């Protein structure tokens, strides 16, 4: 059942939406004006996105186990999320 969730169109679309929101947030974080106006909110959105991406990786690791690393996008996502935590 969990596999059907991870592979669903809704799950994929939700992650894509989080990526877009996170990209906008990261762009706004480079603006001193935006940070002075909404800095704490932007940082909170960034942290929430990181937790969502971490949960996505965790779910995929659980579902795919040893097959996780066979997909280059999974490896790429894992590296990006790991670097974000560092």
PDB file of N, CA and C in Angstrom:
ATOM      1  N   UNK A   1       0.811  -1.190   0.000  1.00  0.00           N
ATOM      2  CA  UNK A   1       0.000   0.000   0.000  1.00  0.00           C
ATOM      3  C   UNK A   1       0.861   1.264   0.000  1.00  0.00           C
ATOM      4  N   UNK A   2       1.914   1.270   0.811  1.00  0.00           N
ATOM      5  CA  UNK A   2       2.798   2.429   0.875  1.00  0.00           C
ATOM      6  C   UNK A   2       3.462   2.678  -0.478  1.00  0.00           C
ATOM      7  N   UNK A   3       3.771   1.611  -1.174  1.00  0.00           N
ATOM      8  CA  UNK A   3       4.383   1.750  -2.494  1.00  0.00           C
ATOM      9  C   UNK A   3       3.437   2.474  -3.448  1.00  0.00           C
ATOM     10  N   UNK A   4       2.155   2.150  -3.398  1.00  0.00           N
ATOM     11  CA  UNK A   4       1.194   2.812  -4.282  1.00  0.00           C
ATOM     12  C   UNK A   4       1.090   4.303  -3.950  1.00  0.00           C
ATOM     13  N   UNK A   5       1.263   4.659  -2.692  1.00  0.00           N
ATOM     14  CA  UNK A   5       1.255   6.069  -2.301  1.00  0.00           C
ATOM     15  C   UNK A   5       2.477   6.777  -2.870  1.00  0.00           C
ATOM     16  N   UNK A   6       3.659   6.185  -2.662  1.00  0.00           N
ATOM     17  CA  UNK A   6       4.915   6.791  -3.126  1.00  0.00           C
ATOM     18  C   UNK A   6       4.936   6.924  -4.648  1.00  0.00           C
ATOM     19  N   UNK A   7       4.322   6.000  -5.331  1.00  0.00           N
ATOM     20  CA  UNK A   7       4.337   6.023  -6.792  1.00  0.00           C
ATOM     21  C   UNK A   7       3.120   6.726  -7.386  1.00  0.00           C
ATOM     22  N   UNK A   8       2.267   7.300  -6.537  1.00  0.00           N
ATOM     23  CA  UNK A   8       1.048   7.934  -7.036  1.00  0.00           C
ATOM     24  C   UNK A   8       1.343   9.289  -7.670  1.00  0.00           C
ATOM     25  N   UNK A   9       0.442   9.672  -8.530  1.00  0.00           N
ATOM     26  CA  UNK A   9       0.546  10.974  -9.199  1.00  0.00           C
ATOM     27  C   UNK A   9       0.396  12.113  -8.193  1.00  0.00           C
ATOM     28  N   UNK A  10      -0.469  11.939  -7.215  1.00  0.00           N
ATOM     29  CA  UNK A  10      -0.679  12.974  -6.197  1.00  0.00           C
ATOM     30  C   UNK A  10       0.593  13.197  -5.385  1.00  0.00           C
ATOM     31  N   UNK A  11       1.247  12.111  -4.981  1.00  0.00           N
ATOM     32  CA  UNK A  11       2.492  12.211  -4.219  1.00  0.00           C
ATOM     33  C   UNK A  11       3.540  12.947  -5.036  1.00  0.00           C
ATOM     34  N   UNK A  12       3.704  12.542  -6.279  1.00  0.00           N
ATOM     35  CA  UNK A  12       4.683  13.165  -7.167  1.00  0.00           C
ATOM     36  C   UNK A  12       4.367  14.640  -7.393  1.00  0.00           C
ATOM     37  N   UNK A  13       3.110  14.955  -7.611  1.00  0.00           N
ATOM     38  CA  UNK A  13       2.703  16.348  -7.824  1.00  0.00           C
ATOM     39  C   UNK A  13       2.931  17.189  -6.572  1.00  0.00           C
ATOM     40  N   UNK A  14       2.669  16.609  -5.418  1.00  0.00           N
ATOM     41  CA  UNK A  14       2.877  17.325  -4.162  1.00  0.00           C
ATOM     42  C   UNK A  14       4.348  17.638  -3.956  1.00  0.00           C
ATOM     43  N   UNK A  15       5.207  16.661  -4.209  1.00  0.00           N
ATOM     44  CA  UNK A  15       6.650  16.884  -4.072  1.00  0.00           C
ATOM     45  C   UNK A  15       7.117  17.934  -5.072  1.00  0.00           C
ATOM     46  N   UNK A  16       6.596  17.896  -6.280  1.00  0.00           N
ATOM     47  CA  UNK A  16       6.952  18.904  -7.281  1.00  0.00           C
ATOM     48  C   UNK A  16       6.531  20.296  -6.816  1.00  0.00           C
ATOM     49  N   UNK A  17       5.337  20.411  -6.243  1.00  0.00           N
ATOM     50  CA  UNK A  17       4.870  21.689  -5.723  1.00  0.00           C
ATOM     51  C   UNK A  17       5.779  22.186  -4.599  1.00  0.00           C
ATOM     52  N   UNK A  18       6.197  21.297  -3.713  1.00  0.00           N
ATOM     53  CA  UNK A  18       7.105  21.678  -2.626  1.00  0.00           C
ATOM     54  C   UNK A  18       8.438  22.142  -3.200  1.00  0.00           C
ATOM     55  N   UNK A  19       8.921  21.491  -4.250  1.00  0.00           N
ATOM     56  CA  UNK A  19      10.167  21.906  -4.899  1.00  0.00           C
ATOM     57  C   UNK A  19      10.036  23.325  -5.449  1.00  0.00           C
ATOM     58  N   UNK A  20       8.934  23.610  -6.112  1.00  0.00           N
ATOM     59  CA  UNK A  20       8.719  24.943  -6.683  1.00  0.00           C
ATOM     60  C   UNK A  20       8.634  25.999  -5.574  1.00  0.00           C
ATOM     61  N   UNK A  21       7.854  25.714  -4.545  1.00  0.00           N
ATOM     62  CA  UNK A  21       7.727  26.657  -3.430  1.00  0.00           C
ATOM     63  C   UNK A  21       9.082  26.879  -2.772  1.00  0.00           C
ATOM     64  N   UNK A  22       9.841  25.797  -2.588  1.00  0.00           N
ATOM     65  CA  UNK A  22      11.155  25.900  -1.971  1.00  0.00           C
ATOM     66  C   UNK A  22      12.117  26.705  -2.838  1.00  0.00           C
ATOM     67  N   UNK A  23      12.057  26.523  -4.144  1.00  0.00           N
ATOM     68  CA  UNK A  23      12.923  27.292  -5.058  1.00  0.00           C
ATOM     69  C   UNK A  23      12.603  28.783  -4.965  1.00  0.00           C
ATOM     70  N   UNK A  24      11.316  29.122  -4.922  1.00  0.00           N
ATOM     71  CA  UNK A  24      10.915  30.526  -4.788  1.00  0.00           C
ATOM     72  C   UNK A  24      11.405  31.087  -3.455  1.00  0.00           C
ATOM     73  N   UNK A  25      11.231  30.302  -2.408  1.00  0.00           N
ATOM     74  CA  UNK A  25      11.675  30.716  -1.081  1.00  0.00           C
ATOM     75  C   UNK A  25      13.179  30.954  -1.048  1.00  0.00           C
ATOM     76  N   UNK A  26      13.933  30.025  -1.625  1.00  0.00           N
ATOM     77  CA  UNK A  26      15.393  30.181  -1.654  1.00  0.00           C
ATOM     78  C   UNK A  26      15.793  31.418  -2.437  1.00  0.00           C
ATOM     79  N   UNK A  27      15.088  31.690  -3.525  1.00  0.00           N
ATOM     80  CA  UNK A  27      15.369  32.902  -4.291  1.00  0.00           C
ATOM     81  C   UNK A  27      15.086  34.151  -3.474  1.00  0.00           C
ATOM     82  N   UNK A  28      13.970  34.159  -2.768  1.00  0.00           N
ATOM     83  CA  UNK A  28      13.624  35.312  -1.934  1.00  0.00           C
ATOM     84  C   UNK A  28      14.611  35.506  -0.790  1.00  0.00           C
ATOM     85  N   UNK A  29      15.193  34.411  -0.308  1.00  0.00           N
ATOM     86  CA  UNK A  29      16.163  34.509   0.783  1.00  0.00           C
ATOM     87  C   UNK A  29      17.440  35.235   0.358  1.00  0.00           C
ATOM     88  N   UNK A  30      17.657  35.398  -0.928  1.00  0.00           N
ATOM     89  CA  UNK A  30      18.840  36.135  -1.405  1.00  0.00           C
ATOM     90  C   UNK A  30      18.586  37.640  -1.432  1.00  0.00           C
ATOM     91  N   UNK A  31      17.354  38.055  -1.188  1.00  0.00           N
ATOM     92  CA  UNK A  31      16.989  39.469  -1.194  1.00  0.00           C
ATOM     93  C   UNK A  31      16.961  40.011   0.226  1.00  0.00           C
ATOM     94  N   UNK A  32      17.764  41.034   0.470  1.00  0.00           N
ATOM     95  CA  UNK A  32      17.795  41.646   1.798  1.00  0.00           C
ATOM     96  C   UNK A  32      16.426  42.234   2.155  1.00  0.00           C
ATOM     97  N   UNK A  33      15.765  42.801   1.165  1.00  0.00           N
ATOM     98  CA  UNK A  33      14.450  43.392   1.410  1.00  0.00           C
ATOM     99  C   UNK A  33      13.426  42.323   1.818  1.00  0.00           C
ATOM    100  N   UNK A  34      13.412  41.213   1.078  1.00  0.00           N
ATOM    101  CA  UNK A  34      12.483  40.129   1.399  1.00  0.00           C
ATOM    102  C   UNK A  34      12.791  39.534   2.769  1.00  0.00           C
ATOM    103  N   UNK A  35      14.055  39.401   3.078  1.00  0.00           N
ATOM    104  CA  UNK A  35      14.429  38.831   4.375  1.00  0.00           C
ATOM    105  C   UNK A  35      14.063  39.771   5.524  1.00  0.00           C
ATOM    106  N   UNK A  36      14.194  41.082   5.298  1.00  0.00           N
ATOM    107  CA  UNK A  36      13.830  42.009   6.375  1.00  0.00           C
ATOM    108  C   UNK A  36      12.316  42.033   6.587  1.00  0.00           C
ATOM    109  N   UNK A  37      11.570  41.764   5.523  1.00  0.00           N
ATOM    110  CA  UNK A  37      10.113  41.788   5.610  1.00  0.00           C
ATOM    111  C   UNK A  37       9.538  40.456   6.110  1.00  0.00           C
ATOM    112  N   UNK A  38      10.074  39.346   5.585  1.00  0.00           N
ATOM    113  CA  UNK A  38       9.481  38.025   5.881  1.00  0.00           C
ATOM    114  C   UNK A  38      10.531  36.963   6.169  1.00  0.00           C
ATOM    115  N   UNK A  39      11.673  37.358   6.673  1.00  0.00           N
ATOM    116  CA  UNK A  39      12.769  36.419   6.919  1.00  0.00           C
ATOM    117  C   UNK A  39      12.395  35.183   7.720  1.00  0.00           C
ATOM    118  N   UNK A  40      11.792  35.349   8.891  1.00  0.00           N
ATOM    119  CA  UNK A  40      11.446  34.169   9.687  1.00  0.00           C
ATOM    120  C   UNK A  40      10.478  33.226   8.964  1.00  0.00           C
ATOM    121  N   UNK A  41       9.524  33.788   8.239  1.00  0.00           N
ATOM    122  CA  UNK A  41       8.586  32.951   7.485  1.00  0.00           C
ATOM    123  C   UNK A  41       9.306  32.189   6.375  1.00  0.00           C
ATOM    124  N   UNK A  42      10.177  32.866   5.653  1.00  0.00           N
ATOM    125  CA  UNK A  42      10.918  32.218   4.566  1.00  0.00           C
ATOM    126  C   UNK A  42      11.792  31.085   5.113  1.00  0.00           C
ATOM    127  N   UNK A  43      12.445  31.330   6.230  1.00  0.00           N
ATOM    128  CA  UNK A  43      13.290  30.291   6.841  1.00  0.00           C
ATOM    129  C   UNK A  43      12.447  29.119   7.337  1.00  0.00           C
ATOM    130  N   UNK A  44      11.258  29.400   7.852  1.00  0.00           N
ATOM    131  CA  UNK A  44      10.361  28.327   8.316  1.00  0.00           C
ATOM    132  C   UNK A  44       9.876  27.487   7.128  1.00  0.00           C
ATOM    133  N   UNK A  45       9.547  28.141   6.026  1.00  0.00           N
ATOM    134  CA  UNK A  45       9.118  27.408   4.828  1.00  0.00           C
ATOM    135  C   UNK A  45      10.259  26.537   4.316  1.00  0.00           C
ATOM    136  N   UNK A  46      11.469  27.079   4.325  1.00  0.00           N
ATOM    137  CA  UNK A  46      12.645  26.318   3.885  1.00  0.00           C
ATOM    138  C   UNK A  46      12.855  25.085   4.762  1.00  0.00           C
ATOM    139  N   UNK A  47      12.727  25.254   6.071  1.00  0.00           N
ATOM    140  CA  UNK A  47      12.913  24.132   7.001  1.00  0.00           C
ATOM    141  C   UNK A  47      11.801  23.093   6.823  1.00  0.00           C
ATOM    142  N   UNK A  48      10.575  23.551   6.628  1.00  0.00           N
ATOM    143  CA  UNK A  48       9.450  22.625   6.409  1.00  0.00           C
ATOM    144  C   UNK A  48       9.668  21.816   5.132  1.00  0.00           C
ATOM    145  N   UNK A  49      10.143  22.480   4.088  1.00  0.00           N
ATOM    146  CA  UNK A  49      10.422  21.778   2.830  1.00  0.00           C
ATOM    147  C   UNK A  49      11.494  20.719   3.036  1.00  0.00           C
ATOM    148  N   UNK A  50      12.527  21.053   3.801  1.00  0.00           N
ATOM    149  CA  UNK A  50      13.589  20.084   4.068  1.00  0.00           C
ATOM    150  C   UNK A  50      13.038  18.862   4.801  1.00  0.00           C
ATOM    151  N   UNK A  51      12.146  19.071   5.747  1.00  0.00           N
ATOM    152  CA  UNK A  51      11.530  17.940   6.462  1.00  0.00           C
ATOM    153  C   UNK A  51      10.664  17.099   5.525  1.00  0.00           C
ATOM    154  N   UNK A  52       9.951  17.763   4.630  1.00  0.00           N
ATOM    155  CA  UNK A  52       9.125  17.031   3.662  1.00  0.00           C
ATOM    156  C   UNK A  52      10.013  16.208   2.743  1.00  0.00           C
ATOM    157  N   UNK A  53      11.109  16.790   2.257  1.00  0.00           N
ATOM    158  CA  UNK A  53      12.030  16.052   1.388  1.00  0.00           C
ATOM    159  C   UNK A  53      12.691  14.889   2.130  1.00  0.00           C
ATOM    160  N   UNK A  54      12.973  15.090   3.405  1.00  0.00           N
ATOM    161  CA  UNK A  54      13.554  14.017   4.221  1.00  0.00           C
ATOM    162  C   UNK A  54      12.555  12.871   4.380  1.00  0.00           C
ATOM    163  N   UNK A  55      11.299  13.221   4.619  1.00  0.00           N
ATOM    164  CA  UNK A  55      10.254  12.191   4.730  1.00  0.00           C
ATOM    165  C   UNK A  55      10.095  11.448   3.408  1.00  0.00           C
ATOM    166  N   UNK A  56      10.159  12.171   2.300  1.00  0.00           N
ATOM    167  CA  UNK A  56      10.063  11.523   0.985  1.00  0.00           C
ATOM    168  C   UNK A  56      11.181  10.503   0.802  1.00  0.00           C
ATOM    169  N   UNK A  57      12.409  10.902   1.130  1.00  0.00           N
ATOM    170  CA  UNK A  57      13.549   9.988   1.006  1.00  0.00           C
ATOM    171  C   UNK A  57      13.348   8.782   1.920  1.00  0.00           C
ATOM    172  N   UNK A  58      12.918   9.030   3.139  1.00  0.00           N
ATOM    173  CA  UNK A  58      12.677   7.936   4.082  1.00  0.00           C
ATOM    174  C   UNK A  58      11.636   6.951   3.575  1.00  0.00           C
ATOM    175  N   UNK A  59      10.549   7.477   3.042  1.00  0.00           N
ATOM    176  CA  UNK A  59       9.512   6.600   2.487  1.00  0.00           C
ATOM    177  C   UNK A  59      10.044   5.780   1.315  1.00  0.00           C
ATOM    178  N   UNK A  60      10.791   6.435   0.439  1.00  0.00           N
ATOM    179  CA  UNK A  60      11.332   5.720  -0.721  1.00  0.00           C
ATOM    180  C   UNK A  60      12.354   4.669  -0.291  1.00  0.00           C
ATOM    181  N   UNK A  61      13.179   4.986   0.705  1.00  0.00           N
ATOM    182  CA  UNK A  61      14.124   3.987   1.221  1.00  0.00           C
ATOM    183  C   UNK A  61      13.375   2.793   1.798  1.00  0.00           C
ATOM    184  N   UNK A  62      12.303   3.059   2.525  1.00  0.00           N
ATOM    185  CA  UNK A  62      11.504   1.987   3.128  1.00  0.00           C
ATOM    186  C   UNK A  62      10.845   1.129   2.052  1.00  0.00           C
ATOM    187  N   UNK A  63      10.268   1.777   1.041  1.00  0.00           N
ATOM    188  CA  UNK A  63       9.529   1.055   0.002  1.00  0.00           C
ATOM    189  C   UNK A  63      10.475   0.289  -0.926  1.00  0.00           C
ATOM    190  N   UNK A  64      11.538   0.944  -1.378  1.00  0.00           N
ATOM    191  CA  UNK A  64      12.402   0.340  -2.399  1.00  0.00           C
ATOM    192  C   UNK A  64      13.592  -0.424  -1.829  1.00  0.00           C
ATOM    193  N   UNK A  65      13.943  -0.149  -0.598  1.00  0.00           N
ATOM    194  CA  UNK A  65      15.061  -0.812   0.089  1.00  0.00           C
ATOM    195  C   UNK A  65      16.314  -0.863  -0.774  1.00  0.00           C
ATOM    196  N   UNK A  66      16.802  -2.019  -1.133  1.00  0.00           N
ATOM    197  CA  UNK A  66      18.056  -2.129  -1.889  1.00  0.00           C
ATOM    198  C   UNK A  66      17.928  -1.612  -3.325  1.00  0.00           C
ATOM    199  N   UNK A  67      16.698  -1.504  -3.822  1.00  0.00           N
ATOM    200  CA  UNK A  67      16.494  -0.990  -5.182  1.00  0.00           C
ATOM    201  C   UNK A  67      16.522   0.529  -5.237  1.00  0.00           C
ATOM    202  N   UNK A  68      16.543   1.180  -4.080  1.00  0.00           N
ATOM    203  CA  UNK A  68      16.525   2.641  -4.014  1.00  0.00           C
ATOM    204  C   UNK A  68      17.653   3.254  -4.843  1.00  0.00           C
ATOM    205  N   UNK A  69      18.854   2.721  -4.680  1.00  0.00           N
ATOM    206  CA  UNK A  69      20.040   3.299  -5.324  1.00  0.00           C
ATOM    207  C   UNK A  69      20.118   2.989  -6.817  1.00  0.00           C
ATOM    208  N   UNK A  70      19.235   2.159  -7.334  1.00  0.00           N
ATOM    209  CA  UNK A  70      19.243   1.859  -8.769  1.00  0.00           C
ATOM    210  C   UNK A  70      18.696   3.009  -9.602  1.00  0.00           C
ATOM    211  N   UNK A  71      17.940   3.880  -8.970  1.00  0.00           N
ATOM    212  CA  UNK A  71      17.371   5.041  -9.654  1.00  0.00           C
ATOM    213  C   UNK A  71      18.259   6.255  -9.390  1.00  0.00           C
ATOM    214  N   UNK A  72      18.826   6.788 -10.438  1.00  0.00           N
ATOM    215  CA  UNK A  72      19.724   7.927 -10.304  1.00  0.00           C
ATOM    216  C   UNK A  72      19.086   9.137  -9.650  1.00  0.00           C
ATOM    217  N   UNK A  73      17.772   9.350  -9.888  1.00  0.00           N
ATOM    218  CA  UNK A  73      17.084  10.478  -9.259  1.00  0.00           C
ATOM    219  C   UNK A  73      16.988  10.294  -7.753  1.00  0.00           C
ATOM    220  N   UNK A  74      16.796   9.073  -7.302  1.00  0.00           N
ATOM    221  CA  UNK A  74      16.762   8.819  -5.860  1.00  0.00           C
ATOM    222  C   UNK A  74      18.107   9.163  -5.233  1.00  0.00           C
ATOM    223  N   UNK A  75      19.182   8.746  -5.879  1.00  0.00           N
ATOM    224  CA  UNK A  75      20.522   9.033  -5.367  1.00  0.00           C
ATOM    225  C   UNK A  75      20.763  10.539  -5.354  1.00  0.00           C
ATOM    226  N   UNK A  76      20.392  11.208  -6.439  1.00  0.00           N
ATOM    227  CA  UNK A  76      20.545  12.660  -6.538  1.00  0.00           C
ATOM    228  C   UNK A  76      19.767  13.350  -5.414  1.00  0.00           C
ATOM    229  N   UNK A  77      18.511  12.974  -5.233  1.00  0.00           N
ATOM    230  CA  UNK A  77      17.682  13.550  -4.174  1.00  0.00           C
ATOM    231  C   UNK A  77      18.300  13.316  -2.800  1.00  0.00           C
ATOM    232  N   UNK A  78      18.782  12.103  -2.586  1.00  0.00           N
ATOM    233  CA  UNK A  78      19.397  11.763  -1.293  1.00  0.00           C
ATOM    234  C   UNK A  78      20.600  12.667  -1.025  1.00  0.00           C
ATOM    235  N   UNK A  79      21.454  12.864  -2.019  1.00  0.00           N
ATOM    236  CA  UNK A  79      22.644  13.710  -1.860  1.00  0.00           C
ATOM    237  C   UNK A  79      22.247  15.156  -1.562  1.00  0.00           C
ATOM    238  N   UNK A  80      21.277  15.683  -2.308  1.00  0.00           N
ATOM    239  CA  UNK A  80      20.840  17.058  -2.097  1.00  0.00           C
ATOM    240  C   UNK A  80      20.263  17.241  -0.696  1.00  0.00           C
ATOM    241  N   UNK A  81      19.429  16.318  -0.258  1.00  0.00           N
ATOM    242  CA  UNK A  81      18.823  16.418   1.079  1.00  0.00           C
ATOM    243  C   UNK A  81      19.889  16.271   2.155  1.00  0.00           C
ATOM    244  N   UNK A  82      20.817  15.344   1.967  1.00  0.00           N
ATOM    245  CA  UNK A  82      21.894  15.162   2.953  1.00  0.00           C
ATOM    246  C   UNK A  82      22.745  16.430   3.054  1.00  0.00           C
ATOM    247  N   UNK A  83      23.074  17.020   1.924  1.00  0.00           N
ATOM    248  CA  UNK A  83      23.866  18.269   1.935  1.00  0.00           C
ATOM    249  C   UNK A  83      23.093  19.408   2.582  1.00  0.00           C
ATOM    250  N   UNK A  84      21.796  19.460   2.367  1.00  0.00           N
ATOM    251  CA  UNK A  84      20.978  20.499   2.989  1.00  0.00           C
ATOM    252  C   UNK A  84      21.009  20.383   4.509  1.00  0.00           C
ATOM    253  N   UNK A  85      21.050  19.152   5.022  1.00  0.00           N
ATOM    254  CA  UNK A  85      21.111  18.972   6.476  1.00  0.00           C
ATOM    255  C   UNK A  85      22.478  19.383   7.030  1.00  0.00           C
ATOM    256  N   UNK A  86      23.505  19.258   6.205  1.00  0.00           N
ATOM    257  CA  UNK A  86      24.849  19.646   6.669  1.00  0.00           C
ATOM    258  C   UNK A  86      24.963  21.149   6.683  1.00  0.00           C
TER     259      UNK A  86
END
